[in-house]
C-alpha atoms as a PDB file:
ATOM      1  CA  MET A   1      96.270 -18.728  44.287  1.00  0.00           C
ATOM      2  CA  PRO A   2      97.308 -16.671  47.348  1.00  0.00           C
ATOM      3  CA  ASP A   3     100.439 -14.567  47.044  1.00  0.00           C
ATOM      4  CA  MET A   4     103.556 -14.094  49.084  1.00  0.00           C
ATOM      5  CA  ILE A   5     104.478 -10.420  48.773  1.00  0.00           C
ATOM      6  CA  VAL A   6     108.187  -9.680  49.115  1.00  0.00           C
ATOM      7  CA  LEU A   7     108.265  -6.083  50.359  1.00  0.00           C
ATOM      8  CA  MET A   8     111.593  -4.325  49.937  1.00  0.00           C
ATOM      9  CA  GLY A   9     112.902  -0.859  50.635  1.00  0.00           C
ATOM     10  CA  PRO A  10     116.009   0.842  52.016  1.00  0.00           C
ATOM     11  CA  GLN A  11     116.256   2.039  55.593  1.00  0.00           C
ATOM     12  CA  GLY A  12     114.102   5.129  55.936  1.00  0.00           C
ATOM     13  CA  ALA A  13     111.674   4.154  53.169  1.00  0.00           C
ATOM     14  CA  GLY A  14     108.910   3.339  55.669  1.00  0.00           C
ATOM     15  CA  LYS A  15     108.776  -0.354  54.781  1.00  0.00           C
ATOM     16  CA  GLY A  16     107.821  -1.481  58.284  1.00  0.00           C
ATOM     17  CA  THR A  17     104.920   0.959  58.534  1.00  0.00           C
ATOM     18  CA  GLN A  18     103.638   0.049  55.081  1.00  0.00           C
ATOM     19  CA  ALA A  19     103.945  -3.680  55.774  1.00  0.00           C
ATOM     20  CA  GLU A  20     101.777  -3.302  58.885  1.00  0.00           C
ATOM     21  CA  LYS A  21      99.096  -1.356  57.011  1.00  0.00           C
ATOM     22  CA  LEU A  22      99.089  -3.809  54.112  1.00  0.00           C
ATOM     23  CA  ALA A  23      98.866  -6.805  56.444  1.00  0.00           C
ATOM     24  CA  VAL A  24      95.768  -5.336  58.080  1.00  0.00           C
ATOM     25  CA  GLN A  25      94.131  -4.572  54.741  1.00  0.00           C
ATOM     26  CA  LEU A  26      94.790  -8.040  53.300  1.00  0.00           C
ATOM     27  CA  GLY A  27      94.239  -9.960  56.520  1.00  0.00           C
ATOM     28  CA  VAL A  28      97.588 -11.746  56.226  1.00  0.00           C
ATOM     29  CA  PRO A  29     100.589 -12.019  58.556  1.00  0.00           C
ATOM     30  CA  ILE A  30     103.967 -10.341  58.220  1.00  0.00           C
ATOM     31  CA  ILE A  31     106.755 -12.884  58.205  1.00  0.00           C
ATOM     32  CA  ALA A  32     109.729 -10.886  59.465  1.00  0.00           C
ATOM     33  CA  THR A  33     112.592 -13.347  59.341  1.00  0.00           C
ATOM     34  CA  GLY A  34     114.798 -11.081  61.448  1.00  0.00           C
ATOM     35  CA  ASP A  35     112.315 -11.318  64.332  1.00  0.00           C
ATOM     36  CA  ILE A  36     111.973 -15.090  63.878  1.00  0.00           C
ATOM     37  CA  LEU A  37     115.746 -15.574  63.910  1.00  0.00           C
ATOM     38  CA  ARG A  38     116.181 -13.414  67.005  1.00  0.00           C
ATOM     39  CA  LYS A  39     113.590 -15.470  68.848  1.00  0.00           C
ATOM     40  CA  LEU A  40     115.130 -18.764  67.733  1.00  0.00           C
ATOM     41  CA  ALA A  41     118.604 -17.544  68.706  1.00  0.00           C
ATOM     42  CA  GLU A  42     117.398 -17.056  72.266  1.00  0.00           C
ATOM     43  CA  ALA A  43     116.292 -20.685  72.543  1.00  0.00           C
ATOM     44  CA  ASP A  44     118.419 -23.255  74.353  1.00  0.00           C
ATOM     45  CA  SER A  45     118.558 -25.643  71.398  1.00  0.00           C
ATOM     46  CA  GLU A  46     120.930 -26.887  68.711  1.00  0.00           C
ATOM     47  CA  LEU A  47     119.236 -24.648  66.144  1.00  0.00           C
ATOM     48  CA  GLY A  48     119.458 -21.670  68.485  1.00  0.00           C
ATOM     49  CA  ARG A  49     123.173 -22.283  69.017  1.00  0.00           C
ATOM     50  CA  GLN A  50     123.757 -22.584  65.263  1.00  0.00           C
ATOM     51  CA  ILE A  51     121.948 -19.326  64.557  1.00  0.00           C
ATOM     52  CA  ARG A  52     123.798 -17.495  67.343  1.00  0.00           C
ATOM     53  CA  GLU A  53     127.182 -18.649  66.085  1.00  0.00           C
ATOM     54  CA  THR A  54     126.344 -17.732  62.497  1.00  0.00           C
ATOM     55  CA  GLN A  55     125.127 -14.265  63.407  1.00  0.00           C
ATOM     56  CA  ASN A  56     128.047 -13.614  65.757  1.00  0.00           C
ATOM     57  CA  ASP A  57     130.405 -14.399  62.871  1.00  0.00           C
ATOM     58  CA  GLY A  58     128.562 -11.905  60.662  1.00  0.00           C
ATOM     59  CA  ARG A  59     127.408 -14.602  58.227  1.00  0.00           C
ATOM     60  CA  LEU A  60     123.980 -15.225  56.707  1.00  0.00           C
ATOM     61  CA  VAL A  61     121.998 -18.116  58.167  1.00  0.00           C
ATOM     62  CA  PRO A  62     122.401 -21.093  55.776  1.00  0.00           C
ATOM     63  CA  ASP A  63     119.742 -21.483  53.110  1.00  0.00           C
ATOM     64  CA  ASP A  64     118.688 -24.930  54.325  1.00  0.00           C
ATOM     65  CA  VAL A  65     117.960 -23.506  57.775  1.00  0.00           C
ATOM     66  CA  MET A  66     116.036 -20.582  56.269  1.00  0.00           C
ATOM     67  CA  ALA A  67     114.094 -23.025  54.082  1.00  0.00           C
ATOM     68  CA  LYS A  68     112.906 -24.961  57.125  1.00  0.00           C
ATOM     69  CA  ILE A  69     111.982 -21.771  58.987  1.00  0.00           C
ATOM     70  CA  ILE A  70     109.997 -20.347  56.057  1.00  0.00           C
ATOM     71  CA  ARG A  71     108.360 -23.679  55.204  1.00  0.00           C
ATOM     72  CA  ASP A  72     107.227 -24.181  58.800  1.00  0.00           C
ATOM     73  CA  ARG A  73     105.893 -20.618  59.013  1.00  0.00           C
ATOM     74  CA  LEU A  74     103.986 -20.857  55.740  1.00  0.00           C
ATOM     75  CA  GLY A  75     102.344 -24.022  56.992  1.00  0.00           C
ATOM     76  CA  LYS A  76     100.535 -22.168  59.793  1.00  0.00           C
ATOM     77  CA  GLY A  77      96.839 -21.435  59.403  1.00  0.00           C
ATOM     78  CA  ASP A  78      97.152 -17.660  59.241  1.00  0.00           C
ATOM     79  CA  CYS A  79      99.047 -17.934  55.940  1.00  0.00           C
ATOM     80  CA  GLN A  80      96.221 -19.533  53.984  1.00  0.00           C
ATOM     81  CA  ARG A  81      95.461 -16.242  52.220  1.00  0.00           C
ATOM     82  CA  GLY A  82      99.112 -15.360  51.712  1.00  0.00           C
ATOM     83  CA  CYS A  83     101.673 -13.322  53.642  1.00  0.00           C
ATOM     84  CA  ILE A  84     104.060 -10.389  53.498  1.00  0.00           C
ATOM     85  CA  LEU A  85     107.754 -11.227  53.675  1.00  0.00           C
ATOM     86  CA  ASP A  86     110.125  -8.773  55.345  1.00  0.00           C
ATOM     87  CA  GLY A  87     113.834  -9.617  55.315  1.00  0.00           C
ATOM     88  CA  PHE A  88     113.651 -12.640  53.037  1.00  0.00           C
ATOM     89  CA  PRO A  89     114.925 -13.361  50.460  1.00  0.00           C
ATOM     90  CA  ARG A  90     118.284 -11.580  50.611  1.00  0.00           C
ATOM     91  CA  THR A  91     120.091 -13.500  47.865  1.00  0.00           C
ATOM     92  CA  ILE A  92     119.271 -15.062  44.505  1.00  0.00           C
ATOM     93  CA  PRO A  93     119.546 -18.625  45.907  1.00  0.00           C
ATOM     94  CA  GLN A  94     117.076 -17.625  48.634  1.00  0.00           C
ATOM     95  CA  ALA A  95     114.725 -16.110  46.024  1.00  0.00           C
ATOM     96  CA  LYS A  96     114.816 -19.356  44.033  1.00  0.00           C
ATOM     97  CA  LEU A  97     114.259 -21.277  47.249  1.00  0.00           C
ATOM     98  CA  LEU A  98     111.219 -19.126  47.998  1.00  0.00           C
ATOM     99  CA  ASP A  99     109.834 -19.899  44.531  1.00  0.00           C
ATOM    100  CA  GLU A 100     110.266 -23.613  45.228  1.00  0.00           C
ATOM    101  CA  LEU A 101     108.490 -23.307  48.573  1.00  0.00           C
ATOM    102  CA  GLY A 102     105.738 -21.336  46.864  1.00  0.00           C
ATOM    103  CA  THR A 103     105.240 -24.107  44.330  1.00  0.00           C
ATOM    104  CA  GLU A 104     105.189 -26.719  47.098  1.00  0.00           C
ATOM    105  CA  GLN A 105     102.602 -24.884  49.165  1.00  0.00           C
ATOM    106  CA  GLY A 106     100.526 -23.235  46.449  1.00  0.00           C
ATOM    107  CA  PHE A 107     101.720 -19.632  46.724  1.00  0.00           C
ATOM    108  CA  GLY A 108     102.622 -17.171  44.015  1.00  0.00           C
ATOM    109  CA  VAL A 109     105.505 -14.779  44.686  1.00  0.00           C
ATOM    110  CA  ARG A 110     105.511 -11.075  43.840  1.00  0.00           C
ATOM    111  CA  ALA A 111     107.923  -8.312  44.857  1.00  0.00           C
ATOM    112  CA  ILE A 112     107.387  -4.623  45.625  1.00  0.00           C
ATOM    113  CA  ILE A 113     110.217  -2.125  46.072  1.00  0.00           C
ATOM    114  CA  ILE A 114     109.522   1.190  47.822  1.00  0.00           C
ATOM    115  CA  SER A 115     111.765   3.776  46.161  1.00  0.00           C
ATOM    116  CA  VAL A 116     112.796   7.029  47.844  1.00  0.00           C
ATOM    117  CA  PRO A 117     115.447   9.517  46.614  1.00  0.00           C
ATOM    118  CA  ARG A 118     118.760   9.186  48.427  1.00  0.00           C
ATOM    119  CA  ASP A 119     118.756  12.755  49.744  1.00  0.00           C
ATOM    120  CA  MET A 120     115.338  12.192  51.302  1.00  0.00           C
ATOM    121  CA  LEU A 121     116.479   8.947  52.930  1.00  0.00           C
ATOM    122  CA  LEU A 122     119.476  10.730  54.409  1.00  0.00           C
ATOM    123  CA  LYS A 123     117.198  13.427  55.783  1.00  0.00           C
ATOM    124  CA  ARG A 124     114.758  10.934  57.282  1.00  0.00           C
ATOM    125  CA  LEU A 125     117.499   8.875  58.919  1.00  0.00           C
ATOM    126  CA  SER A 126     119.912  11.594  60.043  1.00  0.00           C
ATOM    127  CA  GLY A 127     117.030  13.587  61.505  1.00  0.00           C
ATOM    128  CA  ARG A 128     115.850  10.787  63.784  1.00  0.00           C
ATOM    129  CA  ARG A 129     115.985  11.356  67.525  1.00  0.00           C
ATOM    130  CA  THR A 130     114.983   8.714  70.065  1.00  0.00           C
ATOM    131  CA  CYS A 131     113.845   9.018  73.670  1.00  0.00           C
ATOM    132  CA  PRO A 132     115.831   6.508  75.768  1.00  0.00           C
ATOM    133  CA  VAL A 133     113.081   6.454  78.388  1.00  0.00           C
ATOM    134  CA  CYS A 134     109.913   5.664  76.422  1.00  0.00           C
ATOM    135  CA  GLY A 135     111.361   4.829  73.006  1.00  0.00           C
ATOM    136  CA  THR A 136     109.374   7.496  71.136  1.00  0.00           C
ATOM    137  CA  ILE A 137     111.013   8.433  67.825  1.00  0.00           C
ATOM    138  CA  TYR A 138     111.049  12.007  66.544  1.00  0.00           C
ATOM    139  CA  ASN A 139     112.546  13.652  63.473  1.00  0.00           C
ATOM    140  CA  ILE A 140     113.962  17.156  63.576  1.00  0.00           C
ATOM    141  CA  TYR A 141     112.761  17.743  60.001  1.00  0.00           C
ATOM    142  CA  THR A 142     109.402  15.978  59.793  1.00  0.00           C
ATOM    143  CA  ARG A 143     108.253  15.316  63.380  1.00  0.00           C
ATOM    144  CA  PRO A 144     110.150  17.540  65.822  1.00  0.00           C
ATOM    145  CA  SER A 145     109.539  17.570  69.557  1.00  0.00           C
ATOM    146  CA  LYS A 146     107.931  20.680  71.027  1.00  0.00           C
ATOM    147  CA  VAL A 147     111.152  21.548  72.840  1.00  0.00           C
ATOM    148  CA  ASP A 148     114.329  20.891  70.863  1.00  0.00           C
ATOM    149  CA  GLY A 149     116.092  17.770  72.130  1.00  0.00           C
ATOM    150  CA  VAL A 150     113.465  16.937  74.770  1.00  0.00           C
ATOM    151  CA  CYS A 151     110.784  14.228  74.663  1.00  0.00           C
ATOM    152  CA  ASP A 152     107.227  15.570  74.723  1.00  0.00           C
ATOM    153  CA  LEU A 153     106.020  12.673  76.850  1.00  0.00           C
ATOM    154  CA  ASP A 154     108.507  12.354  79.699  1.00  0.00           C
ATOM    155  CA  GLY A 155     111.109  15.094  79.306  1.00  0.00           C
ATOM    156  CA  GLY A 156     113.856  12.641  78.457  1.00  0.00           C
ATOM    157  CA  LYS A 157     116.875  13.915  76.534  1.00  0.00           C
ATOM    158  CA  LEU A 158     116.581  12.796  72.906  1.00  0.00           C
ATOM    159  CA  LEU A 159     119.502  10.863  71.475  1.00  0.00           C
ATOM    160  CA  THR A 160     120.892  10.157  68.010  1.00  0.00           C
ATOM    161  CA  ARG A 161     121.580   6.466  67.411  1.00  0.00           C
ATOM    162  CA  SER A 162     125.128   5.587  66.386  1.00  0.00           C
ATOM    163  CA  ASP A 163     123.895   4.104  63.111  1.00  0.00           C
ATOM    164  CA  ASP A 164     122.024   7.326  62.261  1.00  0.00           C
ATOM    165  CA  ILE A 165     125.115   9.450  61.740  1.00  0.00           C
ATOM    166  CA  PRO A 166     125.707  10.371  58.055  1.00  0.00           C
ATOM    167  CA  GLU A 167     128.748   8.100  57.554  1.00  0.00           C
ATOM    168  CA  ALA A 168     126.945   5.053  58.949  1.00  0.00           C
ATOM    169  CA  ILE A 169     123.808   5.832  56.935  1.00  0.00           C
ATOM    170  CA  GLU A 170     125.767   6.008  53.683  1.00  0.00           C
ATOM    171  CA  LYS A 171     127.331   2.616  54.381  1.00  0.00           C
ATOM    172  CA  ARG A 172     123.949   1.045  55.198  1.00  0.00           C
ATOM    173  CA  LEU A 173     122.332   2.416  52.058  1.00  0.00           C
ATOM    174  CA  ALA A 174     125.262   1.353  49.873  1.00  0.00           C
ATOM    175  CA  LEU A 175     125.061  -2.169  51.313  1.00  0.00           C
ATOM    176  CA  PHE A 176     121.327  -2.272  50.636  1.00  0.00           C
ATOM    177  CA  ASP A 177     121.873  -1.227  47.018  1.00  0.00           C
ATOM    178  CA  GLU A 178     124.583  -3.852  46.552  1.00  0.00           C
ATOM    179  CA  MET A 179     122.544  -6.689  48.035  1.00  0.00           C
ATOM    180  CA  THR A 180     119.214  -5.735  46.501  1.00  0.00           C
ATOM    181  CA  LYS A 181     120.105  -5.084  42.850  1.00  0.00           C
ATOM    182  CA  PRO A 182     120.437  -8.801  41.951  1.00  0.00           C
ATOM    183  CA  LEU A 183     117.054  -9.486  43.562  1.00  0.00           C
ATOM    184  CA  LEU A 184     115.417  -6.623  41.689  1.00  0.00           C
ATOM    185  CA  ASP A 185     116.850  -7.950  38.435  1.00  0.00           C
ATOM    186  CA  TYR A 186     115.632 -11.455  39.300  1.00  0.00           C
ATOM    187  CA  TYR A 187     112.038 -10.402  39.921  1.00  0.00           C
ATOM    188  CA  LYS A 188     112.060  -7.881  37.075  1.00  0.00           C
ATOM    189  CA  GLY A 189     113.176 -10.635  34.706  1.00  0.00           C
ATOM    190  CA  SER A 190     110.066 -12.664  35.512  1.00  0.00           C
ATOM    191  CA  ARG A 191     107.792  -9.593  35.484  1.00  0.00           C
ATOM    192  CA  ARG A 192     107.012  -9.961  39.177  1.00  0.00           C
ATOM    193  CA  LEU A 193     108.495  -6.661  40.365  1.00  0.00           C
ATOM    194  CA  SER A 194     106.538  -3.454  41.024  1.00  0.00           C
ATOM    195  CA  GLU A 195     108.208  -0.178  41.974  1.00  0.00           C
ATOM    196  CA  VAL A 196     106.281   2.226  44.199  1.00  0.00           C
ATOM    197  CA  ASP A 197     107.078   5.890  44.831  1.00  0.00           C
ATOM    198  CA  GLY A 198     107.799   6.126  48.568  1.00  0.00           C
ATOM    199  CA  THR A 199     107.634   9.919  48.807  1.00  0.00           C
ATOM    200  CA  GLY A 200     104.706  11.797  50.337  1.00  0.00           C
ATOM    201  CA  GLU A 201     102.445  11.127  53.292  1.00  0.00           C
ATOM    202  CA  ILE A 202     102.167   7.605  54.726  1.00  0.00           C
ATOM    203  CA  ASN A 203      98.631   7.117  53.420  1.00  0.00           C
ATOM    204  CA  GLU A 204      99.587   8.362  49.964  1.00  0.00           C
ATOM    205  CA  VAL A 205     102.346   5.774  49.738  1.00  0.00           C
ATOM    206  CA  PHE A 206     100.040   3.090  51.082  1.00  0.00           C
ATOM    207  CA  ASN A 207      97.412   3.874  48.451  1.00  0.00           C
ATOM    208  CA  ARG A 208     100.039   3.368  45.753  1.00  0.00           C
ATOM    209  CA  ILE A 209     101.078   0.026  47.243  1.00  0.00           C
ATOM    210  CA  SER A 210      97.455  -1.047  47.631  1.00  0.00           C
ATOM    211  CA  SER A 211      96.758  -0.227  43.984  1.00  0.00           C
ATOM    212  CA  VAL A 212      99.738  -2.306  42.885  1.00  0.00           C
ATOM    213  CA  VAL A 213      98.573  -5.267  44.975  1.00  0.00           C
ATOM    214  CA  GLN A 214      95.048  -5.029  43.624  1.00  0.00           C
ATOM    215  CA  ARG A 215      96.271  -4.935  40.031  1.00  0.00           C
ATOM    216  CA  ALA A 216      98.580  -7.900  40.673  1.00  0.00           C
ATOM    217  CA  ALA A 217      95.722  -9.886  42.197  1.00  0.00           C
ATOM    218  CA  ALA A 218      93.920  -9.725  38.865  1.00  0.00           C
ATOM    219  CA  LEU A 219      96.879 -11.326  37.075  1.00  0.00           C
ATOM    220  CA  PRO A 220      97.843 -15.036  37.044  1.00  0.00           C
ATOM    221  CA  SER A 221     100.268 -15.823  39.874  1.00  0.00           C
ATOM    222  CA  GLU A 222     103.700 -17.034  38.818  1.00  0.00           C
ATOM    223  CA  VAL A 223     106.472 -18.882  40.567  1.00  0.00           C
END
């Protein structure tokens, strides 16, 4: 049975990078529901209007809408060997919904959380600097530009995003912890959760994730 891998991690954990590497290794797509919703919200349709209104009000898209989006996406040919889910589920009802969809379409569901110490996350996020011209991202601690505050590629003045100031970072991380703990408990309770150390070089972290996936593949899938 192919698996849907729910990949989780706080901002700064490198989840996006690891998802891309894992997708290439497994030959499966990344289903990033945030990207799907943004694209749908741009459409001149009833669904697009509903999503826009929901997001503008700061609410989560209703579970029945998410169910249709995920079901339709899983039905595409590139998901035959499984997929990596980024941004879904966010709640226990959504996790149960995903299990139901998995049963319907013959997928097992497993979750991986990339764990990084809080002080390291703060350093990774607060140290980010972005070039407004080309979009290149630097980090004053781990990947500094050759000239402080100046992009190596085009000489643009590097900027700090408003959500990368310490106060905003703390709020984002606290919100992640609050929203994610119930999900971690849910998957841990059914022995479908693996925790991976997210510290070290990108390839070191990826090797840990790859090992977890390989071990899980040898076990019976559960939903």
